[in-house]
Protein backbone atom coordinates (compact mmCIF):
# COMPACT_ATOMS: atom_id res chain seq x y z
CA MET A 1 163.03 118.43 78.84
CA SER A 2 161.14 121.72 78.78
CA PRO A 3 161.37 123.85 75.62
CA PRO A 4 163.80 126.78 75.61
CA SER A 5 162.31 130.01 76.91
CA LEU A 6 161.94 133.03 74.66
CA ASP A 7 163.66 136.36 75.10
CA PRO A 8 160.87 139.00 74.93
CA ARG A 9 163.24 141.95 74.48
CA TRP A 10 165.06 140.30 71.59
CA MET A 11 161.73 139.22 70.12
CA ARG A 12 160.35 142.76 70.20
CA ARG A 13 163.59 144.11 68.69
CA SER A 14 163.50 141.51 65.90
CA PHE A 15 159.96 142.41 64.89
CA GLU A 16 160.60 146.15 65.16
CA ARG A 17 163.51 145.78 62.72
CA ALA A 18 161.46 143.59 60.36
CA ALA A 19 158.46 145.94 60.12
CA THR A 20 159.28 147.44 56.72
CA SER A 21 160.38 144.12 55.16
CA TYR A 22 157.67 141.90 56.65
CA GLU A 23 154.82 142.37 54.20
CA ALA A 24 156.93 141.55 51.13
CA ALA A 25 158.31 138.38 52.75
CA ALA A 26 155.08 137.17 54.35
CA SER A 27 153.65 135.03 51.54
CA LEU A 28 153.30 131.99 53.83
CA GLN A 29 151.68 134.12 56.54
CA ALA A 30 149.22 135.53 54.01
CA GLU A 31 148.36 132.04 52.75
CA VAL A 32 147.77 130.76 56.29
CA ALA A 33 145.70 133.85 57.13
CA GLY A 34 143.45 133.09 54.16
CA ARG A 35 142.98 129.48 55.22
CA LEU A 36 142.33 130.54 58.80
CA LEU A 37 139.68 133.14 57.98
CA GLU A 38 137.93 130.78 55.54
CA ARG A 39 136.87 128.83 58.62
CA LEU A 40 134.65 131.74 59.62
CA ASP A 41 132.49 130.92 56.56
CA TRP A 42 131.10 127.96 58.52
CA ILE A 43 130.53 129.80 61.79
CA ARG A 44 127.40 131.83 62.55
CA LEU A 45 128.87 134.84 64.24
CA GLN A 46 128.41 138.56 63.68
CA PRO A 47 130.81 140.15 66.14
CA GLU A 48 130.43 143.71 67.35
CA ARG A 49 133.94 143.78 68.83
CA LEU A 50 136.87 141.60 67.88
CA ALA A 51 140.64 141.50 68.30
CA ASP A 52 143.45 140.53 65.95
CA LEU A 53 146.27 139.41 68.26
CA GLY A 54 149.73 139.60 66.73
CA ALA A 55 148.38 141.82 63.99
CA GLY A 56 151.79 142.56 62.49
CA THR A 57 151.40 144.73 59.40
CA GLY A 58 147.64 144.17 59.35
CA LEU A 59 147.20 141.13 57.07
CA CYS A 60 144.26 139.75 59.07
CA SER A 61 142.91 143.07 60.30
CA ARG A 62 142.32 144.29 56.75
CA ARG A 63 140.48 141.11 55.80
CA LEU A 64 138.45 141.10 59.01
CA SER A 65 137.39 144.72 58.44
CA LYS A 66 136.01 143.73 55.03
CA ARG A 67 134.26 140.66 56.43
CA TYR A 68 132.75 142.54 59.38
CA PRO A 69 132.51 146.20 58.26
CA GLN A 70 130.38 147.24 61.25
CA ALA A 71 132.64 145.67 63.88
CA ARG A 72 135.14 147.49 66.05
CA ILE A 73 138.53 145.79 65.56
CA TYR A 74 141.46 145.97 67.96
CA ALA A 75 144.73 145.20 66.16
CA LEU A 76 147.33 144.34 68.79
CA ASP A 77 151.02 143.72 68.34
CA LEU A 78 154.14 143.69 70.50
CA ALA A 79 156.11 145.80 68.00
CA PHE A 80 155.16 149.46 67.62
CA GLN A 81 156.76 149.71 64.16
CA MET A 82 154.61 146.80 62.94
CA LEU A 83 151.51 148.72 63.98
CA ARG A 84 152.72 151.83 62.18
CA GLU A 85 152.95 149.74 59.01
CA ALA A 86 149.52 148.22 59.71
CA ARG A 87 147.98 151.67 60.04
CA ARG A 88 149.74 152.87 56.88
CA ASN A 89 148.47 149.80 54.97
CA GLY A 90 144.93 150.02 56.33
CA PRO A 91 141.95 152.16 55.30
CA ARG A 92 142.64 155.88 55.62
CA PHE A 93 139.13 157.12 56.35
CA PHE A 94 136.21 155.91 58.48
CA SER A 95 138.30 153.08 59.87
CA ARG A 96 136.87 151.06 62.75
CA VAL A 97 140.31 149.56 63.50
CA SER A 98 142.15 150.61 66.67
CA TYR A 99 145.87 149.85 66.95
CA LEU A 100 147.19 148.70 70.34
CA CYS A 101 150.83 148.07 71.21
CA GLY A 102 150.82 145.30 73.81
CA ASP A 103 151.76 141.74 74.75
CA ILE A 104 149.46 138.86 73.83
CA GLN A 105 150.47 137.27 77.15
CA GLN A 106 149.16 140.29 79.12
CA LEU A 107 146.30 141.68 77.09
CA PRO A 108 145.40 145.36 77.58
CA LEU A 109 141.75 144.55 76.86
CA GLY A 110 138.72 144.53 79.12
CA SER A 111 137.16 141.39 80.55
CA SER A 112 134.16 140.01 78.64
CA SER A 113 134.59 142.71 76.00
CA LEU A 114 135.03 140.73 72.76
CA ASP A 115 132.87 138.48 70.61
CA LEU A 116 135.75 137.12 68.54
CA VAL A 117 139.52 136.81 68.94
CA VAL A 118 141.65 135.90 65.92
CA SER A 119 145.40 135.23 65.99
CA ASN A 120 147.44 134.24 62.95
CA LEU A 121 150.87 132.68 63.54
CA THR A 122 151.59 134.47 66.81
CA LEU A 123 150.99 132.02 69.67
CA GLN A 124 154.29 130.23 68.92
CA TRP A 125 155.99 133.25 70.55
CA CYS A 126 154.31 132.56 73.92
CA ASP A 127 156.13 130.69 76.69
CA ASP A 128 152.99 129.64 78.61
CA LEU A 129 150.17 128.72 76.24
CA ARG A 130 147.67 127.80 78.95
CA ALA A 131 148.11 131.16 80.68
CA THR A 132 147.85 132.97 77.34
CA PHE A 133 144.64 131.13 76.45
CA GLY A 134 143.33 131.88 79.93
CA ASP A 135 143.78 135.62 79.43
CA ILE A 136 142.13 135.41 76.01
CA VAL A 137 139.17 133.62 77.60
CA ARG A 138 138.97 136.49 80.11
CA THR A 139 138.49 139.00 77.28
CA LEU A 140 135.78 136.96 75.54
CA ARG A 141 132.10 137.39 76.27
CA PRO A 142 130.16 134.21 77.08
CA GLY A 143 129.65 132.51 73.73
CA GLY A 144 132.66 134.30 72.23
CA LEU A 145 135.04 132.52 69.87
CA LEU A 146 138.83 132.13 69.68
CA LEU A 147 140.20 131.21 66.24
CA PHE A 148 143.94 130.90 65.67
CA SER A 149 146.85 129.39 63.81
CA THR A 150 150.32 128.66 65.15
CA PHE A 151 153.37 126.62 64.21
CA GLY A 152 153.74 122.98 65.29
CA THR A 153 156.75 120.85 66.17
CA ASP A 154 157.68 119.85 62.60
CA THR A 155 158.21 123.47 61.54
CA LEU A 156 161.71 124.06 60.09
CA ARG A 157 162.68 120.48 60.86
CA GLU A 158 165.18 120.45 57.98
CA LEU A 159 167.00 123.51 59.34
CA ARG A 160 167.00 122.05 62.85
CA HIS A 161 168.46 118.79 61.47
CA ALA A 162 171.20 120.68 59.61
CA TRP A 163 172.27 122.57 62.74
CA ALA A 164 172.21 119.35 64.79
CA ALA A 165 174.96 118.01 62.52
CA VAL A 166 177.21 120.86 63.73
CA ASP A 167 176.47 121.28 67.47
CA ASP A 168 173.83 120.76 70.13
CA ARG A 169 173.01 124.44 70.73
CA VAL A 170 169.56 125.95 70.17
CA HIS A 171 169.57 127.55 66.71
CA VAL A 172 165.92 127.10 65.71
CA ASN A 173 162.85 128.12 67.71
CA ALA A 174 160.96 125.28 69.39
CA PHE A 175 157.23 124.90 68.72
CA ALA A 176 154.43 123.23 70.65
CA ASP A 177 152.92 119.86 69.83
CA LEU A 178 149.37 119.86 68.43
CA HIS A 179 148.05 117.85 71.38
CA ASP A 180 149.70 120.17 73.90
CA VAL A 181 148.01 123.13 72.20
CA GLY A 182 144.61 121.45 72.54
CA ASP A 183 145.24 120.51 76.16
CA ALA A 184 146.23 124.10 76.95
CA MET A 185 143.00 125.38 75.37
CA ALA A 186 140.87 122.97 77.39
CA GLY A 187 142.81 123.71 80.56
CA ALA A 188 142.09 127.41 80.09
CA GLY A 189 138.34 126.75 80.02
CA LEU A 190 137.57 126.85 76.29
CA ARG A 191 134.79 124.48 75.23
CA ASP A 192 134.08 122.52 72.03
CA VAL A 193 137.80 122.66 71.26
CA VAL A 194 138.92 121.58 67.79
CA VAL A 195 142.58 121.38 66.71
CA ASP A 196 143.97 120.22 63.36
CA ALA A 197 147.04 120.82 61.22
CA ASP A 198 148.45 121.16 57.71
CA ARG A 199 152.03 120.65 56.59
CA LEU A 200 153.20 123.13 53.97
CA THR A 201 156.56 122.90 52.23
CA VAL A 202 158.35 125.92 50.78
CA TYR A 203 161.38 125.42 48.53
CA TYR A 204 164.44 127.67 48.33
CA PRO A 205 167.38 127.77 45.88
CA GLY A 206 169.79 127.74 48.83
CA LEU A 207 170.07 128.09 52.59
CA HIS A 208 170.82 131.81 52.43
CA GLY A 209 167.44 132.45 50.81
CA LEU A 210 165.66 130.82 53.74
CA MET A 211 167.79 132.67 56.29
CA ARG A 212 167.15 136.02 54.60
CA GLU A 213 163.40 135.40 54.63
CA LEU A 214 163.37 134.47 58.33
CA LYS A 215 165.29 137.65 59.10
CA ALA A 216 162.90 139.74 56.98
CA LEU A 217 159.99 138.28 58.96
CA GLY A 218 161.68 138.85 62.32
CA ALA A 219 161.35 135.11 62.87
CA HIS A 220 164.94 134.09 63.53
CA ASN A 221 166.19 132.54 66.77
CA VAL A 222 164.77 134.41 69.81
CA ASN A 223 165.56 131.86 72.54
CA ARG A 224 167.31 133.10 75.69
CA ASP A 225 170.16 130.59 75.31
CA ARG A 226 170.72 131.21 71.61
CA PRO A 227 174.40 131.37 70.56
CA ARG A 228 175.70 134.94 70.69
CA GLY A 229 177.99 136.50 68.12
CA LEU A 230 178.63 135.69 64.49
CA THR A 231 178.69 132.16 63.10
CA GLY A 232 182.10 131.28 61.65
CA LYS A 233 182.43 130.55 57.95
CA SER A 234 183.58 126.98 58.48
CA ARG A 235 180.65 126.14 60.78
CA MET A 236 178.17 127.78 58.42
CA ALA A 237 179.65 125.74 55.55
CA ARG A 238 178.99 122.57 57.55
CA VAL A 239 175.38 123.64 58.14
CA GLU A 240 174.94 124.30 54.42
CA ALA A 241 176.39 120.89 53.57
CA ALA A 242 174.02 119.17 56.00
CA TYR A 243 171.05 121.06 54.51
CA GLU A 244 172.16 120.30 50.94
CA ALA A 245 171.93 116.59 51.77
CA GLN A 246 168.17 117.15 52.10
CA ARG A 247 167.77 118.85 48.70
CA GLU A 248 164.82 117.71 46.56
CA ARG A 249 164.12 118.25 42.89
CA GLN A 250 162.27 121.52 43.61
CA GLY A 251 165.07 122.90 45.82
CA LEU A 252 165.90 122.97 49.52
CA PRO A 253 162.70 122.15 51.46
CA ALA A 254 161.48 124.01 54.53
CA THR A 255 158.54 122.35 56.27
CA TYR A 256 155.96 124.39 58.14
CA GLU A 257 153.48 122.51 60.32
CA VAL A 258 150.55 124.87 60.76
CA VAL A 259 148.26 124.11 63.69
CA TYR A 260 144.73 125.56 63.57
CA GLY A 261 142.42 125.71 66.53
CA HIS A 262 139.16 127.17 67.74
CA GLY A 263 137.13 127.09 70.92
CA TRP A 264 134.30 128.93 72.63
CA ARG A 265 133.94 130.60 75.98
CA GLY A 266 131.09 129.09 77.94
CA ASP A 267 129.08 130.72 80.69
CA ASP A 268 131.67 129.48 83.18
CA PRO A 269 135.21 129.75 81.77
CA GLY A 270 136.48 127.49 84.56
CA VAL A 271 134.64 124.48 83.15
CA VAL A 272 136.76 122.16 80.97
CA THR A 273 134.86 120.44 78.18
CA VAL A 274 136.01 117.04 76.89
CA PRO A 275 136.66 115.17 74.67
CA LEU A 276 138.95 117.15 72.43
CA THR A 277 139.03 116.59 68.67
CA TYR A 278 142.40 115.90 67.03
CA PRO A 279 141.90 115.26 63.29
CA ARG A 280 144.74 113.67 61.34
CA VAL A 281 147.40 116.01 60.01
CA SER A 282 147.00 116.60 56.27
CA GLU A 283 149.84 117.01 53.77
CA ARG A 284 149.70 119.82 51.20
């Protein structure tokens, strides 16, 4: 069965509404951004032009501007209000960051124009990963690098299990399998592809705390066939009871499987390089 498709209008609206609350709620996103950018410590690359795709409020863009102060950075996001916050949070003078409102699945960037593309926890909002990777490859110069993180299939598994005890509707966003992510990268022409994953667990006092955080991040259900209207009190009580059955000593767990990947554009982006590397998932 194919995963549910995403509703781009609802997705844009969700992130527009979450712009002012995002930064305060994005502790997981900030942690993952740190782990992602640490990987650049081991890569010999001094980019002149780079893009931060799904820049949000500028978490990665700010760090990239410090790491590469001479580089021109294009911070792209689907939500205009997110970019307003990113600009407000960024350096006020002599900034080399340009803010672009656009879709990661149809990049408003020139072909062979970038040395580095970074994307932190954004690719999970793309319906067609191979096509998205293909357009990213188009924007990279030969020898350019794509470095990203995204959510894997185990993300929010406890919440998905709780809803499954109530009905069979789609209440939680579906996420791609690690191996499918790697295959999509290779199919798009990236070479020397490496994909690995961490599992992070965040604990909440109750279900409402998790739901409030997802809403503050703009990360609630954005599938086309999501249930419409308000959830009744009795059904919500059943969901809470099913989630409470999973409570641990630290609180209610929410698992996030974070998939990291990187790959290079070769001289011919149509060439697929094998084999792929799939290290074992680590628990943290």
